[in-house]
Amino acid sequence: QVGETMSASEAHAYHQEQVDMLASGGAEMISAI
């Protein structure tokens, strides 16, 4: 379900945290599922 939505800029700021964590662990790509 969609629920509460974000703007694209809000979503960028929100997900940057986890993406950076995964990158520091050695991720070679990101998959948004």
All heavy atoms as atom14 arrays in JSON, in Angstrom:
{
  "sequence": "QVGETMSASEAHAYHQEQVDMLASGGAEMISAI",
  "atom14_mask": [
    [1, 1, 1, 1, 1, 1, 1, 1, 1, 0, 0, 0, 0, 0],
    [1, 1, 1, 1, 1, 1, 1, 0, 0, 0, 0, 0, 0, 0],
    [1, 1, 1, 1, 0, 0, 0, 0, 0, 0, 0, 0, 0, 0],
    [1, 1, 1, 1, 1, 1, 1, 1, 1, 0, 0, 0, 0, 0],
    [1, 1, 1, 1, 1, 1, 1, 0, 0, 0, 0, 0, 0, 0],
    [1, 1, 1, 1, 1, 1, 1, 1, 0, 0, 0, 0, 0, 0],
    [1, 1, 1, 1, 1, 1, 0, 0, 0, 0, 0, 0, 0, 0],
    [1, 1, 1, 1, 1, 0, 0, 0, 0, 0, 0, 0, 0, 0],
    [1, 1, 1, 1, 1, 1, 0, 0, 0, 0, 0, 0, 0, 0],
    [1, 1, 1, 1, 1, 1, 1, 1, 1, 0, 0, 0, 0, 0],
    [1, 1, 1, 1, 1, 0, 0, 0, 0, 0, 0, 0, 0, 0],
    [1, 1, 1, 1, 1, 1, 1, 1, 1, 1, 0, 0, 0, 0],
    [1, 1, 1, 1, 1, 0, 0, 0, 0, 0, 0, 0, 0, 0],
    [1, 1, 1, 1, 1, 1, 1, 1, 1, 1, 1, 1, 0, 0],
    [1, 1, 1, 1, 1, 1, 1, 1, 1, 1, 0, 0, 0, 0],
    [1, 1, 1, 1, 1, 1, 1, 1, 1, 0, 0, 0, 0, 0],
    [1, 1, 1, 1, 1, 1, 1, 1, 1, 0, 0, 0, 0, 0],
    [1, 1, 1, 1, 1, 1, 1, 1, 1, 0, 0, 0, 0, 0],
    [1, 1, 1, 1, 1, 1, 1, 0, 0, 0, 0, 0, 0, 0],
    [1, 1, 1, 1, 1, 1, 1, 1, 0, 0, 0, 0, 0, 0],
    [1, 1, 1, 1, 1, 1, 1, 1, 0, 0, 0, 0, 0, 0],
    [1, 1, 1, 1, 1, 1, 1, 1, 0, 0, 0, 0, 0, 0],
    [1, 1, 1, 1, 1, 0, 0, 0, 0, 0, 0, 0, 0, 0],
    [1, 1, 1, 1, 1, 1, 0, 0, 0, 0, 0, 0, 0, 0],
    [1, 1, 1, 1, 0, 0, 0, 0, 0, 0, 0, 0, 0, 0],
    [1, 1, 1, 1, 0, 0, 0, 0, 0, 0, 0, 0, 0, 0],
    [1, 1, 1, 1, 1, 0, 0, 0, 0, 0, 0, 0, 0, 0],
    [1, 1, 1, 1, 1, 1, 1, 1, 1, 0, 0, 0, 0, 0],
    [1, 1, 1, 1, 1, 1, 1, 1, 0, 0, 0, 0, 0, 0],
    [1, 1, 1, 1, 1, 1, 1, 1, 0, 0, 0, 0, 0, 0],
    [1, 1, 1, 1, 1, 1, 0, 0, 0, 0, 0, 0, 0, 0],
    [1, 1, 1, 1, 1, 0, 0, 0, 0, 0, 0, 0, 0, 0],
    [1, 1, 1, 1, 1, 1, 1, 1, 0, 0, 0, 0, 0, 0]
  ],
  "atom14_positions": [
    [[0.84, -1.19, 0.0], [0.0, 0.0, 0.0], [0.88, 1.24, 0.0], [1.98, 1.24, 0.53], [-0.91, 0.0, 1.23], [-1.81, -1.23, 1.34], [-2.61, -1.23, 2.62], [-2.9, -0.18, 3.19], [-2.96, -2.43, 3.1], [0.0, 0.0, 0.0], [0.0, 0.0, 0.0], [0.0, 0.0, 0.0], [0.0, 0.0, 0.0], [0.0, 0.0, 0.0]],
    [[0.34, 2.32, -0.56], [1.13, 3.54, -0.68], [1.28, 4.24, 0.67], [2.39, 4.57, 1.1], [0.49, 4.5, -1.7], [1.29, 5.79, -1.8], [0.39, 3.83, -3.06], [0.0, 0.0, 0.0], [0.0, 0.0, 0.0], [0.0, 0.0, 0.0], [0.0, 0.0, 0.0], [0.0, 0.0, 0.0], [0.0, 0.0, 0.0], [0.0, 0.0, 0.0]],
    [[0.19, 4.49, 1.37], [0.26, 5.18, 2.65], [0.74, 6.61, 2.47], [0.49, 7.27, 1.46], [0.0, 0.0, 0.0], [0.0, 0.0, 0.0], [0.0, 0.0, 0.0], [0.0, 0.0, 0.0], [0.0, 0.0, 0.0], [0.0, 0.0, 0.0], [0.0, 0.0, 0.0], [0.0, 0.0, 0.0], [0.0, 0.0, 0.0], [0.0, 0.0, 0.0]],
    [[1.49, 7.1, 3.46], [2.0, 8.47, 3.4], [3.11, 8.55, 2.36], [4.01, 7.71, 2.31], [2.54, 8.87, 4.77], [2.99, 10.31, 4.86], [3.47, 10.7, 6.25], [3.27, 9.89, 7.18], [4.05, 11.8, 6.4], [0.0, 0.0, 0.0], [0.0, 0.0, 0.0], [0.0, 0.0, 0.0], [0.0, 0.0, 0.0], [0.0, 0.0, 0.0]],
    [[3.05, 9.58, 1.51], [4.02, 9.71, 0.43], [5.05, 10.81, 0.73], [4.85, 11.66, 1.6], [3.32, 10.03, -0.9], [2.62, 11.27, -0.79], [2.35, 8.92, -1.27], [0.0, 0.0, 0.0], [0.0, 0.0, 0.0], [0.0, 0.0, 0.0], [0.0, 0.0, 0.0], [0.0, 0.0, 0.0], [0.0, 0.0, 0.0], [0.0, 0.0, 0.0]],
    [[6.14, 10.76, -0.02], [7.19, 11.76, 0.06], [7.37, 12.42, -1.3], [7.05, 11.82, -2.33], [8.52, 11.11, 0.47], [8.54, 10.46, 1.82], [10.15, 9.65, 2.17], [9.99, 8.15, 1.18], [0.0, 0.0, 0.0], [0.0, 0.0, 0.0], [0.0, 0.0, 0.0], [0.0, 0.0, 0.0], [0.0, 0.0, 0.0], [0.0, 0.0, 0.0]],
    [[7.93, 13.6, -1.31], [8.39, 14.18, -2.56], [9.65, 13.45, -2.97], [10.27, 12.72, -2.17], [8.68, 15.67, -2.39], [9.81, 15.86, -1.55], [0.0, 0.0, 0.0], [0.0, 0.0, 0.0], [0.0, 0.0, 0.0], [0.0, 0.0, 0.0], [0.0, 0.0, 0.0], [0.0, 0.0, 0.0], [0.0, 0.0, 0.0], [0.0, 0.0, 0.0]],
    [[10.07, 13.64, -4.21], [11.3, 12.98, -4.67], [12.51, 13.44, -3.85], [13.38, 12.63, -3.51], [11.51, 13.26, -6.15], [0.0, 0.0, 0.0], [0.0, 0.0, 0.0], [0.0, 0.0, 0.0], [0.0, 0.0, 0.0], [0.0, 0.0, 0.0], [0.0, 0.0, 0.0], [0.0, 0.0, 0.0], [0.0, 0.0, 0.0], [0.0, 0.0, 0.0]],
    [[12.55, 14.72, -3.51], [13.69, 15.22, -2.72], [13.66, 14.67, -1.31], [14.71, 14.34, -0.73], [13.69, 16.75, -2.71], [12.49, 17.26, -2.15], [0.0, 0.0, 0.0], [0.0, 0.0, 0.0], [0.0, 0.0, 0.0], [0.0, 0.0, 0.0], [0.0, 0.0, 0.0], [0.0, 0.0, 0.0], [0.0, 0.0, 0.0], [0.0, 0.0, 0.0]],
    [[12.47, 14.54, -0.73], [12.36, 13.94, 0.6], [12.78, 12.47, 0.58], [13.47, 11.99, 1.49], [10.93, 14.07, 1.11], [10.52, 15.49, 1.48], [9.04, 15.62, 1.76], [8.25, 14.78, 1.26], [8.66, 16.57, 2.47], [0.0, 0.0, 0.0], [0.0, 0.0, 0.0], [0.0, 0.0, 0.0], [0.0, 0.0, 0.0], [0.0, 0.0, 0.0]],
    [[12.37, 11.75, -0.47], [12.74, 10.34, -0.59], [14.24, 10.18, -0.78], [14.85, 9.24, -0.25], [11.98, 9.7, -1.76], [0.0, 0.0, 0.0], [0.0, 0.0, 0.0], [0.0, 0.0, 0.0], [0.0, 0.0, 0.0], [0.0, 0.0, 0.0], [0.0, 0.0, 0.0], [0.0, 0.0, 0.0], [0.0, 0.0, 0.0], [0.0, 0.0, 0.0]],
    [[14.84, 11.11, -1.53], [16.29, 11.08, -1.72], [16.99, 11.22, -0.37], [17.86, 10.4, -0.01], [16.7, 12.22, -2.66], [18.17, 12.32, -2.91], [18.72, 13.32, -3.69], [19.22, 11.57, -2.47], [20.04, 13.16, -3.72], [20.36, 12.12, -2.99], [0.0, 0.0, 0.0], [0.0, 0.0, 0.0], [0.0, 0.0, 0.0], [0.0, 0.0, 0.0]],
    [[16.6, 12.23, 0.39], [17.24, 12.46, 1.69], [17.0, 11.28, 2.63], [17.92, 10.87, 3.36], [16.69, 13.75, 2.31], [0.0, 0.0, 0.0], [0.0, 0.0, 0.0], [0.0, 0.0, 0.0], [0.0, 0.0, 0.0], [0.0, 0.0, 0.0], [0.0, 0.0, 0.0], [0.0, 0.0, 0.0], [0.0, 0.0, 0.0], [0.0, 0.0, 0.0]],
    [[15.81, 10.73, 2.6], [15.48, 9.63, 3.51], [16.3, 8.38, 3.19], [16.9, 7.77, 4.09], [13.99, 9.3, 3.42], [13.59, 8.15, 4.32], [13.35, 8.37, 5.67], [13.51, 6.85, 3.84], [13.03, 7.32, 6.52], [13.2, 5.79, 4.68], [12.95, 6.03, 6.02], [12.64, 4.98, 6.85], [0.0, 0.0, 0.0], [0.0, 0.0, 0.0]],
    [[16.34, 7.98, 1.93], [16.99, 6.72, 1.57], [18.5, 6.83, 1.45], [19.19, 5.8, 1.42], [16.4, 6.18, 0.27], [15.02, 5.62, 0.44], [14.76, 4.49, 1.18], [13.81, 6.06, -0.02], [13.46, 4.24, 1.16], [12.86, 5.17, 0.45], [0.0, 0.0, 0.0], [0.0, 0.0, 0.0], [0.0, 0.0, 0.0], [0.0, 0.0, 0.0]],
    [[19.04, 8.07, 1.4], [20.49, 8.21, 1.3], [21.19, 7.54, 2.46], [22.28, 6.95, 2.31], [20.87, 9.7, 1.25], [22.33, 9.95, 0.88], [22.6, 9.61, -0.58], [22.01, 10.21, -1.48], [23.47, 8.64, -0.82], [0.0, 0.0, 0.0], [0.0, 0.0, 0.0], [0.0, 0.0, 0.0], [0.0, 0.0, 0.0], [0.0, 0.0, 0.0]],
    [[20.58, 7.61, 3.64], [21.19, 7.02, 4.83], [21.46, 5.53, 4.65], [22.59, 5.06, 4.86], [20.26, 7.23, 6.03], [20.8, 6.67, 7.33], [19.87, 6.96, 8.5], [18.67, 6.6, 8.44], [20.35, 7.54, 9.49], [0.0, 0.0, 0.0], [0.0, 0.0, 0.0], [0.0, 0.0, 0.0], [0.0, 0.0, 0.0], [0.0, 0.0, 0.0]],
    [[20.45, 4.77, 4.24], [20.66, 3.33, 4.07], [21.55, 3.02, 2.89], [22.39, 2.11, 2.95], [19.33, 2.59, 3.92], [19.53, 1.07, 3.9], [18.27, 0.29, 3.61], [17.23, 0.86, 3.25], [18.34, -1.03, 3.73], [0.0, 0.0, 0.0], [0.0, 0.0, 0.0], [0.0, 0.0, 0.0], [0.0, 0.0, 0.0], [0.0, 0.0, 0.0]],
    [[21.4, 3.75, 1.79], [22.25, 3.52, 0.62], [23.71, 3.68, 1.01], [24.57, 2.87, 0.62], [21.86, 4.47, -0.53], [22.94, 4.47, -1.62], [20.51, 4.06, -1.12], [0.0, 0.0, 0.0], [0.0, 0.0, 0.0], [0.0, 0.0, 0.0], [0.0, 0.0, 0.0], [0.0, 0.0, 0.0], [0.0, 0.0, 0.0], [0.0, 0.0, 0.0]],
    [[24.03, 4.71, 1.78], [25.42, 4.93, 2.2], [25.9, 3.81, 3.11], [27.07, 3.4, 3.05], [25.55, 6.28, 2.91], [25.43, 7.46, 1.95], [25.55, 7.24, 0.72], [25.2, 8.59, 2.43], [0.0, 0.0, 0.0], [0.0, 0.0, 0.0], [0.0, 0.0, 0.0], [0.0, 0.0, 0.0], [0.0, 0.0, 0.0], [0.0, 0.0, 0.0]],
    [[25.02, 3.31, 3.97], [25.39, 2.18, 4.83], [25.73, 0.95, 4.0], [26.74, 0.27, 4.24], [24.24, 1.85, 5.79], [23.96, 2.89, 6.84], [22.45, 2.48, 7.78], [22.37, 3.86, 8.93], [0.0, 0.0, 0.0], [0.0, 0.0, 0.0], [0.0, 0.0, 0.0], [0.0, 0.0, 0.0], [0.0, 0.0, 0.0], [0.0, 0.0, 0.0]],
    [[24.9, 0.66, 3.01], [25.12, -0.5, 2.15], [26.4, -0.33, 1.33], [27.17, -1.27, 1.14], [23.91, -0.71, 1.24], [22.63, -1.14, 1.94], [21.43, -0.98, 1.02], [22.73, -2.59, 2.43], [0.0, 0.0, 0.0], [0.0, 0.0, 0.0], [0.0, 0.0, 0.0], [0.0, 0.0, 0.0], [0.0, 0.0, 0.0], [0.0, 0.0, 0.0]],
    [[26.62, 0.9, 0.85], [27.83, 1.18, 0.07], [29.08, 0.95, 0.92], [30.07, 0.37, 0.46], [27.8, 2.6, -0.45], [0.0, 0.0, 0.0], [0.0, 0.0, 0.0], [0.0, 0.0, 0.0], [0.0, 0.0, 0.0], [0.0, 0.0, 0.0], [0.0, 0.0, 0.0], [0.0, 0.0, 0.0], [0.0, 0.0, 0.0], [0.0, 0.0, 0.0]],
    [[29.04, 1.36, 2.18], [30.2, 1.19, 3.05], [30.46, -0.28, 3.36], [31.59, -0.66, 3.68], [30.0, 1.96, 4.35], [28.98, 1.39, 5.15], [0.0, 0.0, 0.0], [0.0, 0.0, 0.0], [0.0, 0.0, 0.0], [0.0, 0.0, 0.0], [0.0, 0.0, 0.0], [0.0, 0.0, 0.0], [0.0, 0.0, 0.0], [0.0, 0.0, 0.0]],
    [[29.42, -1.11, 3.21], [29.59, -2.54, 3.43], [30.05, -3.3, 2.21], [30.32, -4.51, 2.28], [0.0, 0.0, 0.0], [0.0, 0.0, 0.0], [0.0, 0.0, 0.0], [0.0, 0.0, 0.0], [0.0, 0.0, 0.0], [0.0, 0.0, 0.0], [0.0, 0.0, 0.0], [0.0, 0.0, 0.0], [0.0, 0.0, 0.0], [0.0, 0.0, 0.0]],
    [[30.13, -2.62, 1.06], [30.63, -3.27, -0.15], [29.6, -3.53, -1.22], [29.87, -4.29, -2.17], [0.0, 0.0, 0.0], [0.0, 0.0, 0.0], [0.0, 0.0, 0.0], [0.0, 0.0, 0.0], [0.0, 0.0, 0.0], [0.0, 0.0, 0.0], [0.0, 0.0, 0.0], [0.0, 0.0, 0.0], [0.0, 0.0, 0.0], [0.0, 0.0, 0.0]],
    [[28.43, -2.89, -1.13], [27.43, -3.06, -2.19], [27.99, -2.57, -3.52], [28.63, -1.53, -3.58], [26.16, -2.3, -1.85], [0.0, 0.0, 0.0], [0.0, 0.0, 0.0], [0.0, 0.0, 0.0], [0.0, 0.0, 0.0], [0.0, 0.0, 0.0], [0.0, 0.0, 0.0], [0.0, 0.0, 0.0], [0.0, 0.0, 0.0], [0.0, 0.0, 0.0]],
    [[27.73, -3.34, -4.58], [28.17, -2.97, -5.92], [27.06, -2.35, -6.73], [27.29, -1.77, -7.78], [28.72, -4.2, -6.63], [29.96, -4.75, -5.96], [30.36, -6.12, -6.45], [29.51, -6.82, -7.05], [31.52, -6.51, -6.24], [0.0, 0.0, 0.0], [0.0, 0.0, 0.0], [0.0, 0.0, 0.0], [0.0, 0.0, 0.0], [0.0, 0.0, 0.0]],
    [[25.84, -2.49, -6.26], [24.69, -1.84, -6.86], [23.6, -1.76, -5.8], [23.72, -2.37, -4.73], [24.17, -2.62, -8.09], [23.59, -3.98, -7.78], [22.87, -4.81, -9.25], [21.36, -3.83, -9.47], [0.0, 0.0, 0.0], [0.0, 0.0, 0.0], [0.0, 0.0, 0.0], [0.0, 0.0, 0.0], [0.0, 0.0, 0.0], [0.0, 0.0, 0.0]],
    [[22.58, -0.99, -6.08], [21.42, -0.88, -5.2], [20.2, -1.38, -5.95], [20.02, -1.08, -7.14], [21.19, 0.59, -4.76], [22.37, 1.1, -3.93], [19.87, 0.74, -4.0], [22.58, 0.39, -2.61], [0.0, 0.0, 0.0], [0.0, 0.0, 0.0], [0.0, 0.0, 0.0], [0.0, 0.0, 0.0], [0.0, 0.0, 0.0], [0.0, 0.0, 0.0]],
    [[19.37, -2.15, -5.27], [18.08, -2.56, -5.83], [16.98, -2.03, -4.93], [16.95, -2.34, -3.73], [17.97, -4.09, -5.92], [18.88, -4.61, -6.85], [0.0, 0.0, 0.0], [0.0, 0.0, 0.0], [0.0, 0.0, 0.0], [0.0, 0.0, 0.0], [0.0, 0.0, 0.0], [0.0, 0.0, 0.0], [0.0, 0.0, 0.0], [0.0, 0.0, 0.0]],
    [[16.1, -1.22, -5.49], [14.95, -0.72, -4.75], [13.78, -1.65, -5.03], [13.31, -1.73, -6.17], [14.61, 0.7, -5.19], [0.0, 0.0, 0.0], [0.0, 0.0, 0.0], [0.0, 0.0, 0.0], [0.0, 0.0, 0.0], [0.0, 0.0, 0.0], [0.0, 0.0, 0.0], [0.0, 0.0, 0.0], [0.0, 0.0, 0.0], [0.0, 0.0, 0.0]],
    [[13.32, -2.36, -4.02], [12.31, -3.4, -4.19], [10.97, -2.95, -3.61], [10.92, -2.34, -2.56], [12.75, -4.72, -3.51], [14.14, -5.15, -4.02], [11.73, -5.82, -3.72], [14.17, -5.56, -5.47], [0.0, 0.0, 0.0], [0.0, 0.0, 0.0], [0.0, 0.0, 0.0], [0.0, 0.0, 0.0], [0.0, 0.0, 0.0], [0.0, 0.0, 0.0]]
  ]
}
